[in-house]
Amino acid sequence: MSRKSRKGYYVQGQFVAEGSALDLELKADLKGTAGATKTELKRESEALQALGAELLTLRADLFARLALPDQLQEALAEARRISDFEGRRRQMQYVGKLMRTLEEDTLEAVRSALEEQRSGSAHEKLLLHQAEHWREQLVAQDERLQDWLLQFPRTDVQQLRALIRQARKDAQDGSAVAEGHAPRRGRAWRELYQLIRTQMADAAVYGAEEQRSRDA
């Protein structure tokens, strides 16, 4: 008769049986107190599993900086490959168990990397809105061109003027407006946006280089 397998998990290569003294000790350490309730331990475990799931969305450059244990990196890579819902759920449970073995400073590094990615996304969205606002203003008001050139003097003025003129011409197509549609947005409208985005990005890089030169 085959021996019934024991339930448990591995911590740094060591098997920990559920309900064993070591299991209870690890769970107490996870909470930071020997009096942790099952509900508290479950909540903490779910939080770490959720943190592991967020790691799947982390940019490659930020992920590489973390220097996570090979076992956890392999488990995350496997989770990315699994498309089956149940299989992925089980794999993420395994990821959650591995997350529990990480030191607090490593967990803090994970949280910081995720926050850096979120902040970067928010900054990118702000730049998108700013570029869209500038495009609207440049096409709608002649005086805004001078304002733009004061802030972004490295812009190709002739190209900018040409795109603004063409965007206005496309928008003045009366047939679409007469039929109750929005003004036509042609190629010039899209290229104007790309020019604005490029100049804003170049100005940010140029400004950063100047600042470094002054600080040197």
Protein backbone atom coordinates (compact mmCIF):
# COMPACT_ATOMS: atom_id res chain seq x y z
CA MET A 1 0.00 0.00 0.00
CA SER A 2 1.45 3.33 -1.07
CA ARG A 3 2.30 5.87 1.53
CA LYS A 4 0.01 8.91 1.55
CA SER A 5 1.90 12.06 0.56
CA ARG A 6 2.07 14.83 3.13
CA LYS A 7 0.81 18.28 2.37
CA GLY A 8 3.31 21.09 2.57
CA TYR A 9 5.65 23.35 0.64
CA TYR A 10 9.33 24.03 0.12
CA VAL A 11 11.29 26.88 1.67
CA GLN A 12 14.82 27.30 0.31
CA GLY A 13 14.88 23.65 -0.71
CA GLN A 14 13.54 22.32 2.61
CA PHE A 15 10.16 20.58 2.76
CA VAL A 16 7.84 22.09 5.36
CA ALA A 17 4.83 19.94 6.28
CA GLU A 18 1.60 21.80 6.93
CA GLY A 19 0.82 21.87 10.63
CA SER A 20 4.37 21.08 11.65
CA ALA A 21 6.29 23.11 14.22
CA LEU A 22 8.36 24.70 11.47
CA ASP A 23 5.21 25.57 9.51
CA LEU A 24 3.73 27.30 12.54
CA GLU A 25 7.00 29.11 13.20
CA LEU A 26 7.24 30.37 9.63
CA LYS A 27 3.66 31.58 9.71
CA ALA A 28 4.30 33.35 13.01
CA ASP A 29 7.43 34.98 11.55
CA LEU A 30 5.41 36.08 8.51
CA LYS A 31 3.07 37.99 10.76
CA GLY A 32 5.74 39.06 13.23
CA THR A 33 3.88 37.61 16.19
CA ALA A 34 3.16 34.14 17.57
CA GLY A 35 -0.47 35.08 18.06
CA ALA A 36 -1.35 35.55 14.41
CA THR A 37 -4.80 34.28 13.54
CA LYS A 38 -5.55 32.11 10.53
CA THR A 39 -7.44 35.01 8.97
CA GLU A 40 -4.47 37.33 9.37
CA LEU A 41 -2.07 34.76 7.96
CA LYS A 42 -4.36 34.13 5.00
CA ARG A 43 -4.66 37.87 4.34
CA GLU A 44 -0.88 38.28 4.44
CA SER A 45 -0.39 35.28 2.17
CA GLU A 46 -2.91 36.63 -0.35
CA ALA A 47 -1.20 40.03 -0.30
CA LEU A 48 2.14 38.43 -1.15
CA GLN A 49 0.53 36.37 -3.90
CA ALA A 50 -0.99 39.56 -5.33
CA LEU A 51 2.43 41.21 -5.18
CA GLY A 52 3.84 38.27 -7.10
CA ALA A 53 1.11 38.67 -9.71
CA GLU A 54 2.08 42.33 -10.12
CA LEU A 55 5.64 41.22 -10.82
CA LEU A 56 4.34 39.66 -14.04
CA THR A 57 3.55 43.19 -15.30
CA LEU A 58 6.90 44.74 -14.33
CA ARG A 59 9.10 46.13 -17.10
CA ALA A 60 12.14 44.01 -17.97
CA ASP A 61 14.67 46.66 -16.90
CA LEU A 62 13.04 47.12 -13.50
CA PHE A 63 12.65 43.36 -13.04
CA ALA A 64 16.35 42.76 -13.74
CA ARG A 65 17.35 45.21 -11.03
CA LEU A 66 15.61 43.15 -8.34
CA ALA A 67 17.98 40.15 -8.49
CA LEU A 68 15.25 37.78 -7.31
CA PRO A 69 16.07 34.14 -6.43
CA ASP A 70 16.34 31.88 -9.47
CA GLN A 71 13.51 29.68 -8.23
CA LEU A 72 11.11 32.62 -8.07
CA GLN A 73 12.22 33.94 -11.46
CA GLU A 74 11.61 30.52 -13.01
CA ALA A 75 8.19 30.26 -11.36
CA LEU A 76 7.20 33.69 -12.71
CA ALA A 77 8.45 32.78 -16.19
CA GLU A 78 6.37 29.59 -16.09
CA ALA A 79 3.31 31.58 -14.96
CA ARG A 80 3.69 33.82 -18.01
CA ARG A 81 3.70 30.78 -20.30
CA ILE A 82 0.61 29.13 -18.80
CA SER A 83 -2.64 30.12 -20.53
CA ASP A 84 -4.96 27.65 -18.80
CA PHE A 85 -6.88 29.43 -16.01
CA GLU A 86 -6.65 26.65 -13.44
CA GLY A 87 -3.03 25.92 -14.23
CA ARG A 88 -2.13 29.57 -13.92
CA ARG A 89 -4.03 29.85 -10.62
CA ARG A 90 -2.08 26.94 -9.15
CA GLN A 91 1.18 28.37 -10.42
CA MET A 92 0.45 31.74 -8.83
CA GLN A 93 -0.22 29.98 -5.53
CA TYR A 94 3.25 28.53 -5.84
CA VAL A 95 4.63 32.00 -6.63
CA GLY A 96 2.91 33.28 -3.51
CA LYS A 97 4.64 30.62 -1.39
CA LEU A 98 8.01 31.62 -2.85
CA MET A 99 7.26 35.27 -2.15
CA ARG A 100 6.90 34.35 1.52
CA THR A 101 10.56 33.31 1.62
CA LEU A 102 11.84 36.73 0.54
CA GLU A 103 13.54 39.04 2.98
CA GLU A 104 11.71 42.25 3.86
CA ASP A 105 14.27 44.43 2.07
CA THR A 106 13.69 42.42 -1.13
CA LEU A 107 9.94 42.80 -0.79
CA GLU A 108 10.41 46.53 -0.30
CA ALA A 109 12.55 46.64 -3.45
CA VAL A 110 9.73 44.89 -5.34
CA ARG A 111 7.19 47.42 -4.09
CA SER A 112 9.50 50.31 -5.00
CA ALA A 113 10.01 48.98 -8.54
CA LEU A 114 6.26 48.61 -9.06
CA GLU A 115 5.69 52.14 -7.74
CA GLU A 116 8.39 53.47 -10.07
CA GLN A 117 6.62 51.84 -13.01
CA ARG A 118 3.27 53.30 -11.95
CA SER A 119 4.77 56.76 -11.54
CA GLY A 120 6.38 56.50 -14.97
CA SER A 121 3.04 55.59 -16.53
CA ALA A 122 1.37 58.57 -14.86
CA HIS A 123 4.12 60.86 -16.14
CA GLU A 124 3.73 59.50 -19.66
CA LYS A 125 -0.02 60.12 -19.57
CA LEU A 126 0.61 63.70 -18.46
CA LEU A 127 2.95 64.25 -21.41
CA LEU A 128 0.32 62.84 -23.77
CA HIS A 129 -2.28 65.29 -22.47
CA GLN A 130 0.18 68.19 -22.70
CA ALA A 131 1.06 67.33 -26.30
CA GLU A 132 -2.62 67.08 -27.24
CA HIS A 133 -3.29 70.44 -25.58
CA TRP A 134 -0.45 72.11 -27.47
CA ARG A 135 -1.72 70.70 -30.78
CA GLU A 136 -5.21 72.05 -30.16
CA GLN A 137 -3.84 75.45 -29.17
CA LEU A 138 -1.40 75.77 -32.09
CA VAL A 139 -4.08 74.99 -34.66
CA ALA A 140 -6.69 77.21 -33.01
CA GLN A 141 -4.65 80.33 -32.17
CA ASP A 142 -1.87 82.04 -34.16
CA GLU A 143 -0.33 83.64 -31.07
CA ARG A 144 0.33 80.25 -29.48
CA LEU A 145 3.05 79.61 -32.08
CA GLN A 146 5.26 82.26 -30.52
CA ASP A 147 4.61 80.83 -27.07
CA TRP A 148 5.67 77.41 -28.31
CA LEU A 149 8.90 78.71 -29.88
CA LEU A 150 9.84 80.48 -26.65
CA GLN A 151 9.62 77.18 -24.79
CA PHE A 152 10.97 74.94 -27.55
CA PRO A 153 13.36 77.09 -29.64
CA ARG A 154 15.03 74.06 -31.26
CA THR A 155 11.86 73.31 -33.26
CA ASP A 156 12.00 73.33 -37.07
CA VAL A 157 9.81 76.43 -37.57
CA GLN A 158 9.11 75.84 -41.25
CA GLN A 159 7.94 72.28 -40.68
CA LEU A 160 5.80 73.36 -37.73
CA ARG A 161 4.14 76.18 -39.69
CA ALA A 162 3.46 73.88 -42.64
CA LEU A 163 1.80 71.25 -40.47
CA ILE A 164 -0.33 73.85 -38.68
CA ARG A 165 -1.51 75.31 -42.01
CA GLN A 166 -2.39 71.89 -43.41
CA ALA A 167 -4.16 70.82 -40.21
CA ARG A 168 -6.28 73.98 -40.37
CA LYS A 169 -7.05 73.40 -44.02
CA ASP A 170 -8.16 69.82 -43.33
CA ALA A 171 -10.35 70.97 -40.45
CA GLN A 172 -12.09 73.54 -42.66
CA ASP A 173 -13.51 70.84 -44.93
CA GLY A 174 -17.15 71.96 -44.82
CA SER A 175 -18.69 68.74 -46.11
CA ALA A 176 -18.12 66.76 -42.92
CA VAL A 177 -19.28 69.57 -40.65
CA ALA A 178 -22.40 70.13 -42.75
CA GLU A 179 -23.33 66.48 -42.28
CA GLY A 180 -23.00 66.80 -38.52
CA HIS A 181 -19.66 65.02 -38.25
CA ALA A 182 -16.54 66.19 -36.43
CA PRO A 183 -14.00 68.21 -38.44
CA ARG A 184 -11.72 66.09 -40.58
CA ARG A 185 -8.43 65.05 -38.96
CA GLY A 186 -5.91 64.32 -41.67
CA ARG A 187 -2.30 63.28 -41.86
CA ALA A 188 -1.03 66.72 -40.87
CA TRP A 189 -2.96 66.50 -37.60
CA ARG A 190 -1.18 63.26 -36.69
CA GLU A 191 2.24 64.48 -37.83
CA LEU A 192 1.83 67.68 -35.87
CA TYR A 193 1.27 65.64 -32.74
CA GLN A 194 4.38 63.56 -33.39
CA LEU A 195 6.45 66.69 -33.92
CA ILE A 196 5.20 68.18 -30.66
CA ARG A 197 5.92 64.97 -28.72
CA THR A 198 9.40 64.70 -30.19
CA GLN A 199 10.28 68.30 -29.36
CA MET A 200 8.97 67.95 -25.81
CA ALA A 201 11.01 64.78 -25.28
CA ASP A 202 14.15 66.33 -26.79
CA ALA A 203 13.75 69.42 -24.61
CA ALA A 204 13.53 67.23 -21.50
CA VAL A 205 16.75 65.39 -22.44
CA TYR A 206 18.53 68.62 -23.36
CA GLY A 207 17.45 70.23 -20.11
CA ALA A 208 18.69 67.26 -18.09
CA GLU A 209 22.08 67.40 -19.83
CA GLU A 210 22.40 71.13 -19.11
CA GLN A 211 21.57 70.53 -15.47
CA ARG A 212 24.24 67.83 -15.20
CA SER A 213 26.78 70.19 -16.78
CA ARG A 214 25.97 72.90 -14.25
CA ASP A 215 26.21 70.44 -11.37
CA ALA A 216 29.56 69.05 -12.56
